[in-house]
């Protein structure tokens, strides 16, 4: 007997999630992503375009799902984004991390931290201050049936179609 993947978002959007958009937006798009995944980088561009063009009608939520067996620096990058979040700069770091073409090295993380003028960044990374926060996202993704990245949920339902701008926009508009 085969086991099917969950199709529902197991953990609803919480206060500690990284959210761009109003709680009363017509639709919520949740992404589980990995900063070293080339497909996530492509999806990032589509999401940025949708955030720009659809404005307040869409609330976007990003959750970590580092695939460390494929992307050895993904966990560190996720923790770096959380260190930036501690200083109110999650989205800025998020965008910088997705500008990297593939492996995110320590030198890039340091450059990004300097660009964003982050203090205590090195200490937080060295002590893995945000490891548990990333792990919570990973667990919630697994509970939701996420096995790869990017994985999207629209209003709590897994979206398994193409994630470039046009089909994703159509799915978001249909969900409103």
Protein backbone atom coordinates (compact mmCIF):
# COMPACT_ATOMS: atom_id res chain seq x y z
CA UNK A 1 0.00 0.00 0.00
CA UNK A 2 1.51 3.34 -1.02
CA UNK A 3 1.42 6.32 1.24
CA UNK A 4 0.24 9.57 -0.32
CA UNK A 5 1.58 12.97 0.53
CA UNK A 6 -0.47 15.39 2.57
CA UNK A 7 -2.17 18.09 0.55
CA UNK A 8 -3.00 20.48 3.37
CA UNK A 9 -0.77 22.94 5.17
CA UNK A 10 -0.33 21.21 8.55
CA UNK A 11 0.74 24.31 10.48
CA UNK A 12 -1.30 27.45 9.77
CA UNK A 13 0.42 30.79 9.36
CA UNK A 14 1.67 31.91 12.76
CA UNK A 15 2.89 35.18 14.23
CA UNK A 16 6.55 34.09 13.99
CA UNK A 17 6.32 33.32 10.24
CA UNK A 18 7.97 35.59 7.70
CA UNK A 19 4.99 37.34 6.15
CA UNK A 20 4.81 39.95 3.42
CA UNK A 21 1.30 41.31 3.08
CA UNK A 22 -1.80 41.93 5.11
CA UNK A 23 -3.54 39.24 7.16
CA UNK A 24 -6.80 40.13 5.39
CA UNK A 25 -5.39 39.66 1.89
CA UNK A 26 -7.63 37.75 -0.48
CA UNK A 27 -5.20 34.85 -0.70
CA UNK A 28 -2.20 33.49 1.21
CA UNK A 29 0.71 31.90 -0.63
CA UNK A 30 3.08 29.85 1.54
CA UNK A 31 6.39 28.69 0.12
CA UNK A 32 8.75 26.11 1.57
CA UNK A 33 12.12 26.92 0.07
CA UNK A 34 15.86 26.31 0.11
CA UNK A 35 18.29 29.17 -0.54
CA UNK A 36 20.63 26.99 -2.62
CA UNK A 37 17.92 25.38 -4.74
CA UNK A 38 18.06 26.68 -8.33
CA UNK A 39 14.33 26.07 -8.73
CA UNK A 40 13.64 28.17 -5.64
CA UNK A 41 15.67 31.00 -7.15
CA UNK A 42 13.47 30.84 -10.26
CA UNK A 43 10.34 30.70 -8.11
CA UNK A 44 11.67 33.65 -6.09
CA UNK A 45 11.65 35.79 -9.22
CA UNK A 46 8.06 34.77 -9.97
CA UNK A 47 6.94 35.48 -6.41
CA UNK A 48 8.64 38.89 -6.45
CA UNK A 49 6.76 39.76 -9.63
CA UNK A 50 3.47 38.58 -8.13
CA UNK A 51 4.09 40.52 -4.93
CA UNK A 52 4.81 43.61 -7.02
CA UNK A 53 1.80 43.32 -9.34
CA UNK A 54 -0.84 41.84 -7.06
CA UNK A 55 -0.02 44.02 -4.07
CA UNK A 56 -2.29 43.80 -1.04
CA UNK A 57 -4.43 41.08 -2.60
CA UNK A 58 -1.75 38.47 -1.77
CA UNK A 59 -0.04 37.62 1.49
CA UNK A 60 3.25 35.76 1.00
CA UNK A 61 4.81 33.54 3.66
CA UNK A 62 8.28 32.00 3.40
CA UNK A 63 9.28 28.95 5.40
CA UNK A 64 12.61 27.17 5.40
CA UNK A 65 13.08 23.69 3.96
CA UNK A 66 16.85 23.29 3.56
CA UNK A 67 17.68 20.18 1.58
CA UNK A 68 21.09 19.71 3.16
CA UNK A 69 21.79 16.39 1.47
CA UNK A 70 21.69 18.27 -1.88
CA UNK A 71 22.68 21.76 -0.77
CA UNK A 72 25.38 21.68 1.90
CA UNK A 73 25.14 25.38 2.82
CA UNK A 74 21.34 25.68 2.83
CA UNK A 75 20.99 25.28 6.59
CA UNK A 76 23.61 27.97 7.24
CA UNK A 77 21.90 30.31 4.77
CA UNK A 78 18.54 29.73 6.48
CA UNK A 79 20.09 30.50 9.86
CA UNK A 80 21.67 33.64 8.36
CA UNK A 81 18.25 34.82 7.20
CA UNK A 82 16.94 34.28 10.73
CA UNK A 83 19.86 36.27 12.17
CA UNK A 84 18.88 39.08 9.81
CA UNK A 85 15.23 38.70 10.88
CA UNK A 86 16.28 39.37 14.48
CA UNK A 87 17.27 42.84 13.29
CA UNK A 88 14.19 43.39 11.11
CA UNK A 89 15.98 42.61 7.84
CA UNK A 90 14.69 39.18 6.88
CA UNK A 91 13.31 40.18 3.47
CA UNK A 92 16.47 42.08 2.55
CA UNK A 93 18.63 39.04 3.41
CA UNK A 94 16.11 36.75 1.69
CA UNK A 95 16.53 38.69 -1.56
CA UNK A 96 20.33 38.76 -1.27
CA UNK A 97 20.51 35.00 -0.64
CA UNK A 98 18.50 34.30 -3.77
CA UNK A 99 20.85 36.45 -5.85
CA UNK A 100 23.54 33.79 -5.44
CA UNK A 101 23.62 31.41 -8.41
CA UNK A 102 24.26 28.22 -6.40
CA UNK A 103 26.36 27.43 -3.33
CA UNK A 104 26.30 30.14 -0.70
CA UNK A 105 29.71 30.38 0.91
CA UNK A 106 30.71 31.97 4.21
CA UNK A 107 32.28 34.94 2.40
CA UNK A 108 28.95 35.78 0.76
CA UNK A 109 27.14 35.57 4.08
CA UNK A 110 29.66 37.95 5.61
CA UNK A 111 29.32 40.34 2.67
CA UNK A 112 25.53 40.29 2.97
CA UNK A 113 25.70 40.93 6.71
CA UNK A 114 28.00 43.89 6.11
CA UNK A 115 25.73 45.22 3.36
CA UNK A 116 22.77 45.09 5.75
CA UNK A 117 24.82 46.43 8.67
CA UNK A 118 23.92 43.46 10.87
CA UNK A 119 25.38 43.34 14.35
CA UNK A 120 25.83 40.12 16.34
CA UNK A 121 25.41 38.21 13.07
CA UNK A 122 28.64 36.23 13.45
CA UNK A 123 27.90 35.31 17.07
CA UNK A 124 24.40 34.09 16.21
CA UNK A 125 25.71 31.97 13.33
CA UNK A 126 28.57 30.56 15.39
CA UNK A 127 26.22 29.58 18.22
CA UNK A 128 23.52 28.29 15.83
CA UNK A 129 21.07 30.55 17.63
CA UNK A 130 18.41 30.03 14.97
CA UNK A 131 18.85 26.31 14.27
CA UNK A 132 15.63 25.39 16.10
CA UNK A 133 13.62 28.04 14.26
CA UNK A 134 14.72 26.58 10.91
CA UNK A 135 14.03 23.07 12.21
CA UNK A 136 10.45 24.06 13.13
CA UNK A 137 9.83 25.08 9.51
CA UNK A 138 11.40 21.86 8.26
CA UNK A 139 9.18 19.77 10.54
CA UNK A 140 6.04 21.68 9.58
CA UNK A 141 6.94 21.17 5.92
CA UNK A 142 7.38 17.44 6.42
CA UNK A 143 4.01 17.31 8.24
CA UNK A 144 2.50 19.07 5.22
CA UNK A 145 3.94 16.53 2.79
CA UNK A 146 6.78 18.68 1.47
CA UNK A 147 9.51 16.52 -0.06
CA UNK A 148 11.19 19.03 -2.39
CA UNK A 149 11.55 22.70 -3.05
CA UNK A 150 9.93 24.93 -3.89
CA UNK A 151 6.60 23.69 -2.55
CA UNK A 152 3.69 26.12 -2.47
CA UNK A 153 0.39 26.17 -0.63
CA UNK A 154 -2.44 28.49 -1.67
CA UNK A 155 -4.90 29.17 1.14
CA UNK A 156 -3.66 26.03 2.85
CA UNK A 157 -3.95 23.69 -0.16
CA UNK A 158 -0.81 22.34 -1.81
CA UNK A 159 -0.27 23.77 -5.29
CA UNK A 160 1.38 21.21 -7.59
CA UNK A 161 1.27 23.04 -10.90
CA UNK A 162 3.90 25.22 -12.58
CA UNK A 163 5.25 28.00 -10.42
CA UNK A 164 6.20 30.54 -13.04
CA UNK A 165 4.30 33.84 -13.02
CA UNK A 166 1.36 33.17 -15.35
CA UNK A 167 0.00 29.88 -13.95
CA UNK A 168 0.73 30.86 -10.37
CA UNK A 169 -1.08 34.18 -10.85
CA UNK A 170 -4.07 32.34 -12.33
CA UNK A 171 -4.17 29.95 -9.36
CA UNK A 172 -3.96 32.85 -6.91
CA UNK A 173 -6.74 34.74 -8.66
CA UNK A 174 -8.91 31.60 -8.74
CA UNK A 175 -8.43 31.21 -4.98
CA UNK A 176 -9.61 34.76 -4.19
